[in-house]
């Protein structure tokens, strides 16, 4: 009987150890392509998920921002405009929770794109950021070529972004916060208009960070 109890105890310890080593992994979002590669002389078929392409925008400090500024970083992106009369103020209040949670973390960034580049110049974006209490480069607000902003939003971040004369303020955009990993894959999409969605984003950033530990 003593031997049996010992065996059971060892099995429980092994089981608990295996559970502790099992970590959650976030899904990849987007339509993958099937690619064939040679690995160690063997042909291997893999699913290749889309990545965010090269981009170049201008931030609230008048500096050029490219995808290289996010190399090795996890980042959250969204789309807005400073005169938005509907969901933008709610989204920015919620994104402030993300900013406060990670503002001292060198591996996490936030990238907000205006969809009204004619009005939202770097000077306007800087004032907007200051009113939110944002300093430094952790959270960047960017403007640029209108069509390039709309293209990267709709075709790569997979959100709605564009002009709509019938919409309040003349523009329409998604309320999503999009989570991007270090390799520029989309790993999560969250309702940026709700506290619940924002809390899940903060939790999933921690899950994603663990993948790189």
C-alpha atoms as a PDB file:
ATOM      1  CA  UNK A   1       0.000   0.000   0.000  1.00  0.00           C
ATOM      2  CA  UNK A   2       2.871   2.361   0.840  1.00  0.00           C
ATOM      3  CA  UNK A   3       4.375   1.714  -2.602  1.00  0.00           C
ATOM      4  CA  UNK A   4       1.064   2.496  -4.276  1.00  0.00           C
ATOM      5  CA  UNK A   5       0.737   5.838  -2.487  1.00  0.00           C
ATOM      6  CA  UNK A   6       4.301   6.706  -3.503  1.00  0.00           C
ATOM      7  CA  UNK A   7       3.568   5.888  -7.141  1.00  0.00           C
ATOM      8  CA  UNK A   8       0.385   7.939  -7.092  1.00  0.00           C
ATOM      9  CA  UNK A   9       2.245  10.889  -5.561  1.00  0.00           C
ATOM     10  CA  UNK A  10       4.925  10.710  -8.233  1.00  0.00           C
ATOM     11  CA  UNK A  11       2.311  10.557 -10.995  1.00  0.00           C
ATOM     12  CA  UNK A  12       0.542  13.594  -9.560  1.00  0.00           C
ATOM     13  CA  UNK A  13       3.810  15.527  -9.400  1.00  0.00           C
ATOM     14  CA  UNK A  14       4.655  14.634 -12.987  1.00  0.00           C
ATOM     15  CA  UNK A  15       1.157  15.614 -14.099  1.00  0.00           C
ATOM     16  CA  UNK A  16       1.324  18.960 -12.314  1.00  0.00           C
ATOM     17  CA  UNK A  17       4.758  19.603 -13.766  1.00  0.00           C
ATOM     18  CA  UNK A  18       3.507  18.924 -17.297  1.00  0.00           C
ATOM     19  CA  UNK A  19       0.532  21.222 -16.724  1.00  0.00           C
ATOM     20  CA  UNK A  20       2.797  24.011 -15.526  1.00  0.00           C
ATOM     21  CA  UNK A  21       4.854  23.674 -18.700  1.00  0.00           C
ATOM     22  CA  UNK A  22       1.782  23.915 -20.929  1.00  0.00           C
ATOM     23  CA  UNK A  23       1.246  27.516 -21.984  1.00  0.00           C
ATOM     24  CA  UNK A  24      -1.645  29.025 -23.866  1.00  0.00           C
ATOM     25  CA  UNK A  25      -0.920  30.192 -27.408  1.00  0.00           C
ATOM     26  CA  UNK A  26      -2.886  32.822 -29.271  1.00  0.00           C
ATOM     27  CA  UNK A  27      -4.260  31.991 -32.734  1.00  0.00           C
ATOM     28  CA  UNK A  28      -3.041  33.510 -35.977  1.00  0.00           C
ATOM     29  CA  UNK A  29      -5.613  35.606 -37.830  1.00  0.00           C
ATOM     30  CA  UNK A  30      -5.856  35.834 -41.614  1.00  0.00           C
ATOM     31  CA  UNK A  31      -5.977  33.472 -44.565  1.00  0.00           C
ATOM     32  CA  UNK A  32      -2.802  31.339 -44.598  1.00  0.00           C
ATOM     33  CA  UNK A  33      -0.983  30.114 -47.669  1.00  0.00           C
ATOM     34  CA  UNK A  34       0.383  26.595 -47.898  1.00  0.00           C
ATOM     35  CA  UNK A  35       4.097  26.715 -48.680  1.00  0.00           C
ATOM     36  CA  UNK A  36       6.682  24.001 -49.162  1.00  0.00           C
ATOM     37  CA  UNK A  37      10.165  24.483 -47.704  1.00  0.00           C
ATOM     38  CA  UNK A  38      13.355  22.472 -47.448  1.00  0.00           C
ATOM     39  CA  UNK A  39      14.327  21.936 -43.794  1.00  0.00           C
ATOM     40  CA  UNK A  40      17.457  19.888 -43.062  1.00  0.00           C
ATOM     41  CA  UNK A  41      17.268  18.376 -46.515  1.00  0.00           C
ATOM     42  CA  UNK A  42      13.634  17.380 -46.126  1.00  0.00           C
ATOM     43  CA  UNK A  43      10.594  18.842 -47.836  1.00  0.00           C
ATOM     44  CA  UNK A  44       8.211  20.323 -45.272  1.00  0.00           C
ATOM     45  CA  UNK A  45       4.754  21.788 -45.908  1.00  0.00           C
ATOM     46  CA  UNK A  46       3.739  24.660 -43.639  1.00  0.00           C
ATOM     47  CA  UNK A  47       0.926  27.196 -43.283  1.00  0.00           C
ATOM     48  CA  UNK A  48       2.287  30.685 -43.875  1.00  0.00           C
ATOM     49  CA  UNK A  49       0.143  33.405 -42.294  1.00  0.00           C
ATOM     50  CA  UNK A  50       0.050  36.950 -43.721  1.00  0.00           C
ATOM     51  CA  UNK A  51       2.232  39.659 -42.204  1.00  0.00           C
ATOM     52  CA  UNK A  52       1.786  43.423 -42.014  1.00  0.00           C
ATOM     53  CA  UNK A  53       3.698  44.899 -44.988  1.00  0.00           C
ATOM     54  CA  UNK A  54       6.183  47.755 -45.053  1.00  0.00           C
ATOM     55  CA  UNK A  55       4.694  51.154 -44.245  1.00  0.00           C
ATOM     56  CA  UNK A  56       5.787  54.739 -43.731  1.00  0.00           C
ATOM     57  CA  UNK A  57       3.762  57.342 -41.837  1.00  0.00           C
ATOM     58  CA  UNK A  58       4.450  60.513 -39.828  1.00  0.00           C
ATOM     59  CA  UNK A  59       3.904  60.643 -36.081  1.00  0.00           C
ATOM     60  CA  UNK A  60       2.831  63.390 -33.680  1.00  0.00           C
ATOM     61  CA  UNK A  61       6.421  64.584 -33.402  1.00  0.00           C
ATOM     62  CA  UNK A  62       6.802  65.008 -37.157  1.00  0.00           C
ATOM     63  CA  UNK A  63       9.084  61.966 -37.391  1.00  0.00           C
ATOM     64  CA  UNK A  64       8.816  59.185 -39.959  1.00  0.00           C
ATOM     65  CA  UNK A  65       7.554  55.903 -38.546  1.00  0.00           C
ATOM     66  CA  UNK A  66       8.095  52.627 -40.433  1.00  0.00           C
ATOM     67  CA  UNK A  67       7.574  48.943 -39.754  1.00  0.00           C
ATOM     68  CA  UNK A  68      11.244  48.764 -38.719  1.00  0.00           C
ATOM     69  CA  UNK A  69      10.436  50.817 -35.624  1.00  0.00           C
ATOM     70  CA  UNK A  70       8.334  47.863 -34.494  1.00  0.00           C
ATOM     71  CA  UNK A  71      10.894  45.143 -35.189  1.00  0.00           C
ATOM     72  CA  UNK A  72      11.122  42.902 -32.146  1.00  0.00           C
ATOM     73  CA  UNK A  73       8.045  44.567 -30.608  1.00  0.00           C
ATOM     74  CA  UNK A  74       4.535  43.463 -29.815  1.00  0.00           C
ATOM     75  CA  UNK A  75       2.133  46.236 -30.726  1.00  0.00           C
ATOM     76  CA  UNK A  76      -1.532  47.193 -30.689  1.00  0.00           C
ATOM     77  CA  UNK A  77      -2.993  49.208 -33.535  1.00  0.00           C
ATOM     78  CA  UNK A  78      -6.265  51.016 -34.183  1.00  0.00           C
ATOM     79  CA  UNK A  79      -7.888  53.640 -36.441  1.00  0.00           C
ATOM     80  CA  UNK A  80      -9.548  56.904 -35.389  1.00  0.00           C
ATOM     81  CA  UNK A  81      -9.827  60.632 -36.132  1.00  0.00           C
ATOM     82  CA  UNK A  82      -9.494  63.475 -33.664  1.00  0.00           C
ATOM     83  CA  UNK A  83     -12.890  65.059 -34.425  1.00  0.00           C
ATOM     84  CA  UNK A  84     -14.757  61.746 -34.167  1.00  0.00           C
ATOM     85  CA  UNK A  85     -18.088  62.335 -32.371  1.00  0.00           C
ATOM     86  CA  UNK A  86     -18.912  58.695 -31.667  1.00  0.00           C
ATOM     87  CA  UNK A  87     -16.675  55.801 -30.585  1.00  0.00           C
ATOM     88  CA  UNK A  88     -13.179  57.358 -30.703  1.00  0.00           C
ATOM     89  CA  UNK A  89     -13.296  59.028 -27.262  1.00  0.00           C
ATOM     90  CA  UNK A  90     -14.389  55.715 -25.722  1.00  0.00           C
ATOM     91  CA  UNK A  91     -11.666  53.816 -27.577  1.00  0.00           C
ATOM     92  CA  UNK A  92      -8.972  56.225 -26.478  1.00  0.00           C
ATOM     93  CA  UNK A  93     -10.070  56.021 -22.839  1.00  0.00           C
ATOM     94  CA  UNK A  94      -9.845  52.254 -23.082  1.00  0.00           C
ATOM     95  CA  UNK A  95      -6.499  52.347 -24.890  1.00  0.00           C
ATOM     96  CA  UNK A  96      -5.183  54.477 -22.031  1.00  0.00           C
ATOM     97  CA  UNK A  97      -5.542  51.373 -19.864  1.00  0.00           C
ATOM     98  CA  UNK A  98      -3.243  49.513 -22.258  1.00  0.00           C
ATOM     99  CA  UNK A  99      -0.800  52.445 -22.259  1.00  0.00           C
ATOM    100  CA  UNK A 100      -0.698  52.606 -18.460  1.00  0.00           C
ATOM    101  CA  UNK A 101      -0.194  48.843 -18.205  1.00  0.00           C
ATOM    102  CA  UNK A 102       2.801  48.785 -20.590  1.00  0.00           C
ATOM    103  CA  UNK A 103       4.229  52.310 -20.808  1.00  0.00           C
ATOM    104  CA  UNK A 104       7.426  51.153 -19.085  1.00  0.00           C
ATOM    105  CA  UNK A 105       7.740  47.951 -21.137  1.00  0.00           C
ATOM    106  CA  UNK A 106      10.300  48.284 -23.958  1.00  0.00           C
ATOM    107  CA  UNK A 107       8.764  45.395 -25.918  1.00  0.00           C
ATOM    108  CA  UNK A 108       5.209  46.770 -26.248  1.00  0.00           C
ATOM    109  CA  UNK A 109       4.003  49.654 -28.448  1.00  0.00           C
ATOM    110  CA  UNK A 110       0.730  51.265 -29.569  1.00  0.00           C
ATOM    111  CA  UNK A 111       0.149  52.612 -33.096  1.00  0.00           C
ATOM    112  CA  UNK A 112      -2.965  54.714 -33.817  1.00  0.00           C
ATOM    113  CA  UNK A 113      -3.717  55.779 -37.406  1.00  0.00           C
ATOM    114  CA  UNK A 114      -5.860  58.801 -38.204  1.00  0.00           C
ATOM    115  CA  UNK A 115      -8.292  58.305 -41.094  1.00  0.00           C
ATOM    116  CA  UNK A 116      -8.644  62.083 -41.553  1.00  0.00           C
ATOM    117  CA  UNK A 117      -5.110  63.090 -42.597  1.00  0.00           C
ATOM    118  CA  UNK A 118      -6.236  66.425 -44.069  1.00  0.00           C
ATOM    119  CA  UNK A 119      -7.243  67.682 -40.638  1.00  0.00           C
ATOM    120  CA  UNK A 120      -5.083  65.532 -38.388  1.00  0.00           C
ATOM    121  CA  UNK A 121      -1.627  66.974 -39.033  1.00  0.00           C
ATOM    122  CA  UNK A 122       1.306  66.065 -36.778  1.00  0.00           C
ATOM    123  CA  UNK A 123       0.652  69.263 -34.777  1.00  0.00           C
ATOM    124  CA  UNK A 124      -3.001  68.292 -34.237  1.00  0.00           C
ATOM    125  CA  UNK A 125      -1.996  64.753 -33.270  1.00  0.00           C
ATOM    126  CA  UNK A 126       0.591  66.069 -30.826  1.00  0.00           C
ATOM    127  CA  UNK A 127      -1.993  68.237 -29.085  1.00  0.00           C
ATOM    128  CA  UNK A 128      -4.411  65.299 -29.040  1.00  0.00           C
ATOM    129  CA  UNK A 129      -1.762  63.046 -27.453  1.00  0.00           C
ATOM    130  CA  UNK A 130      -0.858  65.683 -24.876  1.00  0.00           C
ATOM    131  CA  UNK A 131      -4.502  66.030 -23.857  1.00  0.00           C
ATOM    132  CA  UNK A 132      -4.513  62.286 -23.225  1.00  0.00           C
ATOM    133  CA  UNK A 133      -1.345  62.607 -21.143  1.00  0.00           C
ATOM    134  CA  UNK A 134       0.798  60.660 -23.605  1.00  0.00           C
ATOM    135  CA  UNK A 135       4.546  61.274 -23.706  1.00  0.00           C
ATOM    136  CA  UNK A 136       7.446  59.493 -25.358  1.00  0.00           C
ATOM    137  CA  UNK A 137       7.364  57.000 -28.221  1.00  0.00           C
ATOM    138  CA  UNK A 138       5.453  54.125 -26.640  1.00  0.00           C
ATOM    139  CA  UNK A 139       2.111  55.302 -28.129  1.00  0.00           C
ATOM    140  CA  UNK A 140       2.455  56.851 -31.564  1.00  0.00           C
ATOM    141  CA  UNK A 141      -0.301  58.655 -33.459  1.00  0.00           C
ATOM    142  CA  UNK A 142       0.373  58.691 -37.186  1.00  0.00           C
ATOM    143  CA  UNK A 143      -0.886  60.425 -40.295  1.00  0.00           C
ATOM    144  CA  UNK A 144       0.099  60.108 -43.943  1.00  0.00           C
ATOM    145  CA  UNK A 145      -1.215  59.360 -47.399  1.00  0.00           C
ATOM    146  CA  UNK A 146      -4.959  58.767 -47.155  1.00  0.00           C
ATOM    147  CA  UNK A 147      -5.119  55.810 -49.540  1.00  0.00           C
ATOM    148  CA  UNK A 148      -2.161  54.086 -47.887  1.00  0.00           C
ATOM    149  CA  UNK A 149      -3.825  54.423 -44.483  1.00  0.00           C
ATOM    150  CA  UNK A 150      -7.083  52.984 -45.804  1.00  0.00           C
ATOM    151  CA  UNK A 151      -5.276  50.197 -47.652  1.00  0.00           C
ATOM    152  CA  UNK A 152      -3.248  48.987 -44.680  1.00  0.00           C
ATOM    153  CA  UNK A 153      -6.323  49.166 -42.476  1.00  0.00           C
ATOM    154  CA  UNK A 154      -8.742  47.271 -44.678  1.00  0.00           C
ATOM    155  CA  UNK A 155      -6.414  44.896 -46.530  1.00  0.00           C
ATOM    156  CA  UNK A 156      -3.839  44.074 -43.870  1.00  0.00           C
ATOM    157  CA  UNK A 157      -5.135  44.898 -40.378  1.00  0.00           C
ATOM    158  CA  UNK A 158      -8.541  43.638 -41.581  1.00  0.00           C
ATOM    159  CA  UNK A 159     -10.587  46.542 -40.197  1.00  0.00           C
ATOM    160  CA  UNK A 160     -12.920  49.146 -41.690  1.00  0.00           C
ATOM    161  CA  UNK A 161     -11.310  52.528 -42.400  1.00  0.00           C
ATOM    162  CA  UNK A 162     -12.496  55.146 -44.875  1.00  0.00           C
ATOM    163  CA  UNK A 163     -14.610  58.156 -45.804  1.00  0.00           C
ATOM    164  CA  UNK A 164     -18.385  57.950 -45.546  1.00  0.00           C
ATOM    165  CA  UNK A 165     -20.431  61.141 -45.978  1.00  0.00           C
ATOM    166  CA  UNK A 166     -23.378  59.465 -44.257  1.00  0.00           C
ATOM    167  CA  UNK A 167     -21.410  58.541 -41.121  1.00  0.00           C
ATOM    168  CA  UNK A 168     -21.131  60.904 -38.117  1.00  0.00           C
ATOM    169  CA  UNK A 169     -18.082  63.093 -38.736  1.00  0.00           C
ATOM    170  CA  UNK A 170     -17.826  61.963 -42.360  1.00  0.00           C
ATOM    171  CA  UNK A 171     -15.707  58.877 -41.706  1.00  0.00           C
ATOM    172  CA  UNK A 172     -16.292  55.253 -40.798  1.00  0.00           C
ATOM    173  CA  UNK A 173     -13.902  52.970 -38.975  1.00  0.00           C
ATOM    174  CA  UNK A 174     -13.770  49.830 -36.897  1.00  0.00           C
ATOM    175  CA  UNK A 175     -13.759  49.927 -33.108  1.00  0.00           C
ATOM    176  CA  UNK A 176     -11.230  47.095 -33.032  1.00  0.00           C
ATOM    177  CA  UNK A 177      -7.900  46.984 -31.272  1.00  0.00           C
ATOM    178  CA  UNK A 178      -5.596  44.685 -33.279  1.00  0.00           C
ATOM    179  CA  UNK A 179      -2.749  42.782 -31.606  1.00  0.00           C
ATOM    180  CA  UNK A 180       0.409  42.211 -33.688  1.00  0.00           C
ATOM    181  CA  UNK A 181       3.289  39.927 -32.726  1.00  0.00           C
ATOM    182  CA  UNK A 182       7.019  40.455 -33.241  1.00  0.00           C
ATOM    183  CA  UNK A 183       6.902  38.810 -36.664  1.00  0.00           C
ATOM    184  CA  UNK A 184       4.094  41.182 -37.813  1.00  0.00           C
ATOM    185  CA  UNK A 185       1.300  38.579 -37.653  1.00  0.00           C
ATOM    186  CA  UNK A 186      -2.179  39.458 -36.367  1.00  0.00           C
ATOM    187  CA  UNK A 187      -2.725  37.467 -33.177  1.00  0.00           C
ATOM    188  CA  UNK A 188      -5.934  38.978 -31.813  1.00  0.00           C
ATOM    189  CA  UNK A 189      -8.789  41.423 -32.420  1.00  0.00           C
ATOM    190  CA  UNK A 190     -10.700  43.054 -29.577  1.00  0.00           C
ATOM    191  CA  UNK A 191     -13.670  45.357 -29.096  1.00  0.00           C
ATOM    192  CA  UNK A 192     -11.976  48.632 -28.220  1.00  0.00           C
ATOM    193  CA  UNK A 193     -15.308  50.200 -27.279  1.00  0.00           C
ATOM    194  CA  UNK A 194     -15.722  47.985 -24.212  1.00  0.00           C
ATOM    195  CA  UNK A 195     -13.770  47.565 -21.001  1.00  0.00           C
ATOM    196  CA  UNK A 196     -14.174  43.792 -21.309  1.00  0.00           C
ATOM    197  CA  UNK A 197     -12.531  43.771 -24.728  1.00  0.00           C
ATOM    198  CA  UNK A 198      -9.694  45.942 -23.457  1.00  0.00           C
ATOM    199  CA  UNK A 199      -9.096  43.740 -20.424  1.00  0.00           C
ATOM    200  CA  UNK A 200      -8.921  40.676 -22.665  1.00  0.00           C
ATOM    201  CA  UNK A 201      -6.374  42.493 -24.852  1.00  0.00           C
ATOM    202  CA  UNK A 202      -4.184  43.266 -21.838  1.00  0.00           C
ATOM    203  CA  UNK A 203      -4.410  39.633 -20.757  1.00  0.00           C
ATOM    204  CA  UNK A 204      -3.538  38.379 -24.254  1.00  0.00           C
ATOM    205  CA  UNK A 205      -0.527  40.715 -24.503  1.00  0.00           C
ATOM    206  CA  UNK A 206       0.832  38.890 -21.456  1.00  0.00           C
ATOM    207  CA  UNK A 207       0.077  35.528 -23.096  1.00  0.00           C
ATOM    208  CA  UNK A 208       1.877  36.625 -26.267  1.00  0.00           C
ATOM    209  CA  UNK A 209       4.881  37.909 -24.332  1.00  0.00           C
ATOM    210  CA  UNK A 210       5.247  34.471 -22.732  1.00  0.00           C
ATOM    211  CA  UNK A 211       5.755  32.942 -26.183  1.00  0.00           C
ATOM    212  CA  UNK A 212       9.051  34.814 -26.392  1.00  0.00           C
ATOM    213  CA  UNK A 213      10.361  33.887 -22.942  1.00  0.00           C
END
